[in-house]
Protein backbone atom coordinates (compact mmCIF):
# COMPACT_ATOMS: atom_id res chain seq x y z
CA MET A 1 39.11 -25.13 -35.00
CA ALA A 2 42.77 -26.26 -33.77
CA PRO A 3 43.19 -25.27 -30.08
CA ILE A 4 45.92 -22.60 -31.24
CA GLU A 5 43.61 -20.46 -33.67
CA GLU A 6 41.10 -20.54 -30.46
CA GLU A 7 43.77 -19.22 -27.99
CA ARG A 8 44.48 -16.57 -30.84
CA LEU A 9 40.95 -15.54 -31.13
CA GLU A 10 40.29 -15.77 -27.59
CA GLU A 11 43.19 -13.16 -27.05
CA CYS A 12 41.82 -10.92 -29.82
CA GLU A 13 38.53 -10.73 -28.49
CA ALA A 14 39.90 -10.00 -24.94
CA LEU A 15 42.32 -7.02 -26.69
CA SER A 16 38.58 -6.04 -28.84
CA ALA A 17 36.75 -6.06 -25.71
CA ILE A 18 39.41 -3.68 -24.01
CA PHE A 19 40.81 -1.38 -26.93
CA GLY A 20 37.35 -1.28 -28.91
CA ASN A 21 37.83 0.96 -32.10
CA ASP A 22 41.22 1.31 -31.45
CA PHE A 23 42.13 -2.51 -31.91
CA SER A 24 42.00 -4.41 -35.64
CA ASN A 25 42.99 -7.70 -36.77
CA ASP A 26 43.95 -10.15 -39.54
CA SER A 27 45.71 -13.50 -40.07
CA ASP A 28 49.25 -11.80 -39.82
CA GLY A 29 48.80 -10.09 -36.64
CA VAL A 30 46.78 -7.02 -34.69
CA THR A 31 46.87 -3.04 -34.81
CA ILE A 32 46.17 -1.73 -31.88
CA ARG A 33 46.66 2.14 -31.55
CA LEU A 34 48.64 3.72 -28.33
CA GLU A 35 48.06 6.40 -25.88
CA ASP A 36 50.09 9.34 -26.91
CA HIS A 37 48.09 11.89 -24.66
CA GLY A 38 48.21 13.96 -27.84
CA LEU A 39 52.32 14.16 -28.04
CA TYR A 40 51.99 12.92 -31.56
CA GLY A 41 48.74 13.76 -32.26
CA GLY A 42 46.84 10.44 -31.62
CA LYS A 43 48.42 8.51 -34.42
CA VAL A 44 50.89 6.48 -33.16
CA MET A 45 49.94 2.90 -33.84
CA LEU A 46 51.41 -0.77 -32.54
CA ARG A 47 51.78 -3.67 -35.11
CA VAL A 48 52.36 -7.08 -33.65
CA SER A 49 52.83 -9.32 -36.43
CA TYR A 50 53.02 -12.98 -35.55
CA SER A 51 53.58 -16.59 -37.43
CA LEU A 52 51.12 -19.51 -36.74
CA ASP A 53 52.38 -21.12 -34.09
CA TYR A 54 51.52 -18.19 -31.91
CA PRO A 55 51.25 -18.09 -28.95
CA ARG A 56 52.37 -21.94 -28.38
CA GLY A 57 55.51 -20.94 -30.93
CA TYR A 58 58.97 -19.94 -29.70
CA LYS A 59 59.11 -17.06 -32.52
CA VAL A 60 58.50 -14.25 -30.34
CA PRO A 61 56.15 -11.87 -32.28
CA GLN A 62 57.24 -8.59 -34.48
CA VAL A 63 56.53 -5.17 -33.52
CA GLU A 64 56.62 -2.47 -35.61
CA ILE A 65 55.48 1.84 -34.68
CA TYR A 66 53.52 3.49 -37.57
CA SER A 67 52.29 7.56 -36.73
CA GLN A 68 51.50 10.47 -38.77
CA GLY A 69 54.12 12.52 -39.94
CA ASP A 70 57.99 12.20 -38.87
CA ARG A 71 57.20 13.34 -35.48
CA LEU A 72 57.90 10.01 -34.13
CA GLU A 73 60.89 9.12 -35.61
CA ALA A 74 63.75 9.98 -33.39
CA GLU A 75 61.53 7.66 -30.60
CA ARG A 76 60.39 4.95 -32.88
CA ALA A 77 63.16 2.76 -32.32
CA THR A 78 63.40 3.02 -28.57
CA ILE A 79 59.43 2.67 -28.64
CA VAL A 80 59.57 -0.93 -30.33
CA GLN A 81 62.09 -1.81 -28.14
CA ALA A 82 60.40 -1.22 -25.41
CA CYS A 83 57.28 -3.19 -26.92
CA GLN A 84 59.38 -5.95 -27.69
CA SER A 85 61.15 -6.40 -24.50
CA ALA A 86 57.81 -7.18 -23.33
CA LEU A 87 57.11 -10.30 -25.79
CA ILE A 88 57.19 -13.64 -24.01
CA PRO A 89 57.24 -16.85 -26.38
CA GLY A 90 55.19 -19.55 -26.04
CA GLU A 91 52.27 -17.55 -24.32
CA PRO A 92 49.95 -14.71 -25.04
CA CYS A 93 52.03 -11.32 -24.63
CA ILE A 94 50.29 -8.84 -26.93
CA PHE A 95 48.58 -6.54 -23.95
CA ALA A 96 52.08 -6.83 -22.46
CA ALA A 97 53.68 -5.31 -25.55
CA VAL A 98 50.52 -2.17 -25.35
CA THR A 99 50.88 -1.64 -21.78
CA ALA A 100 54.99 -1.14 -22.66
CA GLY A 101 54.27 1.39 -25.26
CA ASN A 102 51.73 3.29 -23.22
CA GLU A 103 54.13 2.96 -20.54
CA PHE A 104 56.87 4.52 -22.86
CA LEU A 105 54.72 7.16 -24.36
CA ALA A 106 53.56 8.48 -20.62
CA ASP A 107 57.03 8.74 -19.75
CA LEU A 108 57.83 10.79 -22.36
CA VAL A 109 54.52 13.14 -22.13
CA GLU A 110 56.04 13.55 -18.44
CA GLU A 111 59.21 14.57 -19.05
CA GLU A 112 57.41 17.09 -21.70
CA ARG A 113 55.37 18.63 -18.68
CA GLN A 114 57.74 18.56 -16.21
CA PHE A 115 60.86 19.78 -18.14
CA GLN A 116 61.68 23.46 -17.31
CA HIS A 117 65.26 24.86 -17.84
CA SER A 118 66.54 28.56 -17.27
CA LEU A 119 69.79 28.86 -19.44
CA PRO A 120 72.68 31.17 -18.55
CA GLN A 121 71.57 34.25 -20.65
CA GLU A 122 74.63 36.43 -19.81
CA ALA A 123 78.49 35.76 -19.95
CA GLU A 124 79.13 36.89 -15.96
CA THR A 125 76.33 33.92 -15.10
CA LEU A 126 79.07 31.52 -16.54
CA PRO A 127 81.08 29.70 -13.44
CA LEU A 128 84.25 31.57 -12.42
CA ILE A 129 87.37 30.21 -13.65
CA THR A 130 90.15 30.74 -11.32
CA GLU A 131 93.91 29.34 -10.74
CA LYS A 132 92.39 27.12 -8.30
CA ASN A 133 90.31 25.05 -10.72
CA THR A 134 92.26 25.20 -14.00
CA ARG A 135 92.10 21.73 -14.81
CA LEU A 136 90.45 20.57 -17.93
CA ALA A 137 87.62 17.65 -17.15
CA ARG A 138 86.33 14.89 -19.20
CA LYS A 139 82.78 12.97 -18.56
CA ILE A 140 80.98 10.26 -19.82
CA ILE A 141 77.05 9.94 -18.52
CA TYR A 142 74.79 7.18 -18.77
CA SER A 143 71.51 7.92 -19.16
CA HIS A 144 68.31 5.28 -19.19
CA HIS A 145 66.86 7.24 -22.49
CA ILE A 146 67.23 10.77 -24.30
CA ILE A 147 64.27 10.91 -26.44
CA ALA A 148 62.00 14.42 -25.73
CA ASP A 149 62.52 17.36 -27.58
CA SER A 150 63.16 19.57 -24.88
CA LYS A 151 65.72 17.80 -22.81
CA ARG A 152 67.57 17.53 -26.24
CA ALA A 153 67.22 21.29 -27.30
CA GLY A 154 67.85 21.59 -23.28
CA LEU A 155 71.61 19.73 -23.63
CA ARG A 156 72.66 21.87 -26.81
CA GLU A 157 72.04 25.01 -25.13
CA LEU A 158 73.37 24.51 -22.23
CA ALA A 159 76.68 22.97 -23.87
CA LEU A 160 77.29 26.31 -26.14
CA ALA A 161 76.14 28.57 -22.98
CA PHE A 162 78.77 26.68 -20.91
CA GLN A 163 81.23 26.25 -23.62
CA VAL A 164 81.90 22.76 -23.11
CA SER A 165 82.19 19.94 -25.58
CA ALA A 166 79.45 17.89 -25.87
CA LEU A 167 78.94 14.34 -27.60
CA VAL A 168 74.76 13.30 -26.69
CA LYS A 169 73.94 9.54 -27.99
CA ILE A 170 70.17 9.91 -27.76
CA GLY A 171 67.74 6.87 -28.07
CA TRP A 172 68.00 3.84 -25.48
CA PRO A 173 70.22 4.39 -23.73
CA GLY A 174 71.62 7.64 -23.85
CA VAL A 175 75.34 8.64 -23.24
CA ILE A 176 76.60 12.24 -22.97
CA VAL A 177 80.54 12.85 -23.14
CA LEU A 178 81.49 16.03 -22.05
CA GLU A 179 85.01 17.92 -21.92
CA GLY A 180 86.04 21.59 -20.71
CA HIS A 181 87.09 23.43 -17.82
CA GLU A 182 86.41 21.27 -14.97
CA SER A 183 83.99 24.10 -12.89
CA ARG A 184 82.02 24.34 -16.31
CA VAL A 185 81.97 20.44 -17.11
CA ASP A 186 80.66 19.92 -13.48
CA ALA A 187 78.17 22.93 -13.77
CA PHE A 188 76.79 20.89 -16.96
CA VAL A 189 76.55 17.84 -14.85
CA SER A 190 74.69 19.52 -11.56
CA TYR A 191 72.13 21.66 -13.90
CA ILE A 192 70.65 18.44 -15.75
CA GLN A 193 70.90 16.31 -12.42
CA ARG A 194 67.83 18.69 -11.48
CA TRP A 195 65.96 17.48 -14.62
CA ARG A 196 63.71 14.27 -14.28
CA TRP A 197 65.40 11.52 -15.99
CA LYS A 198 64.73 8.14 -14.88
CA LYS A 199 68.71 7.07 -14.77
CA LEU A 200 71.68 9.75 -15.00
CA ILE A 201 74.77 8.47 -13.94
CA VAL A 202 78.32 9.70 -14.32
CA ARG A 203 80.22 6.89 -15.25
CA GLY A 204 83.54 8.20 -15.59
CA GLU A 205 86.20 10.77 -14.94
CA GLU A 206 89.70 12.28 -15.96
CA PHE A 207 91.09 15.62 -15.18
CA LEU A 208 94.33 17.40 -16.87
CA SER A 209 95.98 19.74 -15.19
CA MET A 210 96.61 22.88 -16.96
CA GLU A 211 100.46 24.87 -16.28
CA GLU A 212 100.23 28.59 -16.09
CA GLY A 213 99.51 30.32 -19.48
CA THR A 214 98.28 26.93 -21.04
CA ASN A 215 95.47 27.71 -23.69
CA ILE A 216 92.44 24.79 -22.57
CA ASP A 217 92.42 24.42 -26.42
CA ASN A 218 95.62 22.94 -26.79
CA LEU A 219 94.14 19.91 -24.13
CA ARG A 220 91.33 19.41 -25.88
CA ALA A 221 90.68 15.95 -27.50
CA LEU A 222 86.82 16.76 -28.77
CA PRO A 223 85.96 19.82 -30.99
CA CYS A 224 84.48 22.37 -28.52
CA ALA A 225 80.93 21.98 -30.18
CA PHE A 226 77.36 20.20 -29.27
CA ILE A 227 77.19 16.92 -31.61
CA GLU A 228 74.21 14.91 -31.38
CA TYR A 229 73.97 10.81 -32.77
CA GLY A 230 71.41 8.98 -33.23
CA PRO A 231 69.44 5.96 -31.74
CA HIS A 232 71.66 3.58 -33.34
CA ASP A 233 74.85 5.49 -33.13
CA MET A 234 76.63 4.04 -30.73
CA SER A 235 79.30 2.71 -32.29
CA ILE A 236 79.77 5.97 -34.38
CA LEU A 237 80.20 7.57 -30.89
CA ALA A 238 82.47 5.12 -29.80
CA GLN A 239 85.02 5.52 -33.02
CA THR A 240 84.68 9.39 -32.43
CA CYS A 241 85.82 8.84 -28.83
CA ARG A 242 88.66 5.85 -30.22
CA ASP A 243 89.83 8.11 -32.72
CA ALA A 244 89.96 10.92 -30.12
CA GLY A 245 92.68 8.74 -27.75
CA LEU A 246 89.41 8.51 -25.15
CA GLU A 247 88.48 5.10 -25.80
CA GLU A 248 89.25 3.85 -21.98
CA LEU A 249 86.79 7.16 -20.86
CA PHE A 250 83.67 5.56 -23.37
CA MET A 251 84.23 1.75 -22.35
CA ARG A 252 83.68 2.97 -18.85
CA VAL A 253 80.04 4.16 -19.89
CA PHE A 254 79.18 0.43 -19.77
CA ARG A 255 80.73 -0.61 -16.38
CA LYS A 256 78.26 -0.40 -13.19
CA ASN A 257 80.87 0.26 -10.73
């Protein structure tokens, strides 16, 4: 047996000892069940496919995620990215990919467990709009990720309750573009900052003064609605902002300062 084959065999034996019946392998790679803590029915499978020069070669193994049903569809690309980023060419790295996948799923489970929100139900609970705060505000917010179903639903409900425009790109990273009365946009941001996030940062903002008697709808560049963009739709969100004349605001999401 060639040395490189012995290295693959040793890694597979170690993985089999760790994961038991949750591990299987063939000549092209390995399949391991990830720990989803029941969130996806215990059927999230990680597939790592490698070439014949693994682990010594410089070609990084490829990751796929399989699950029962379609509930994981929105999160699939981000979990693949998390696992793929843990793979290091030139050395055994499958366990690192499994660890990254399990940690990502654990974060999602923790978000689902801890996420609680009580949304305004009556118009009187909306922020009071007075002559002192009659400005239209726009903000763009960066998030490490927006994945949890409960959080996505909460963003939608808040946008409707606070009557603000909200363009939300889910996945990894997450982006939120807001537009509306300054007091309501500020209230929206303050509200979601109470939730559990790995990272949530307001990266840019703009303000337009409203003259007396001016209708805010005359100043809006975005529809007063909630629109969700998929994990791979960053370019579509960028084009939407560009078409609305908000390209400069959108580009601030990528600036760290």
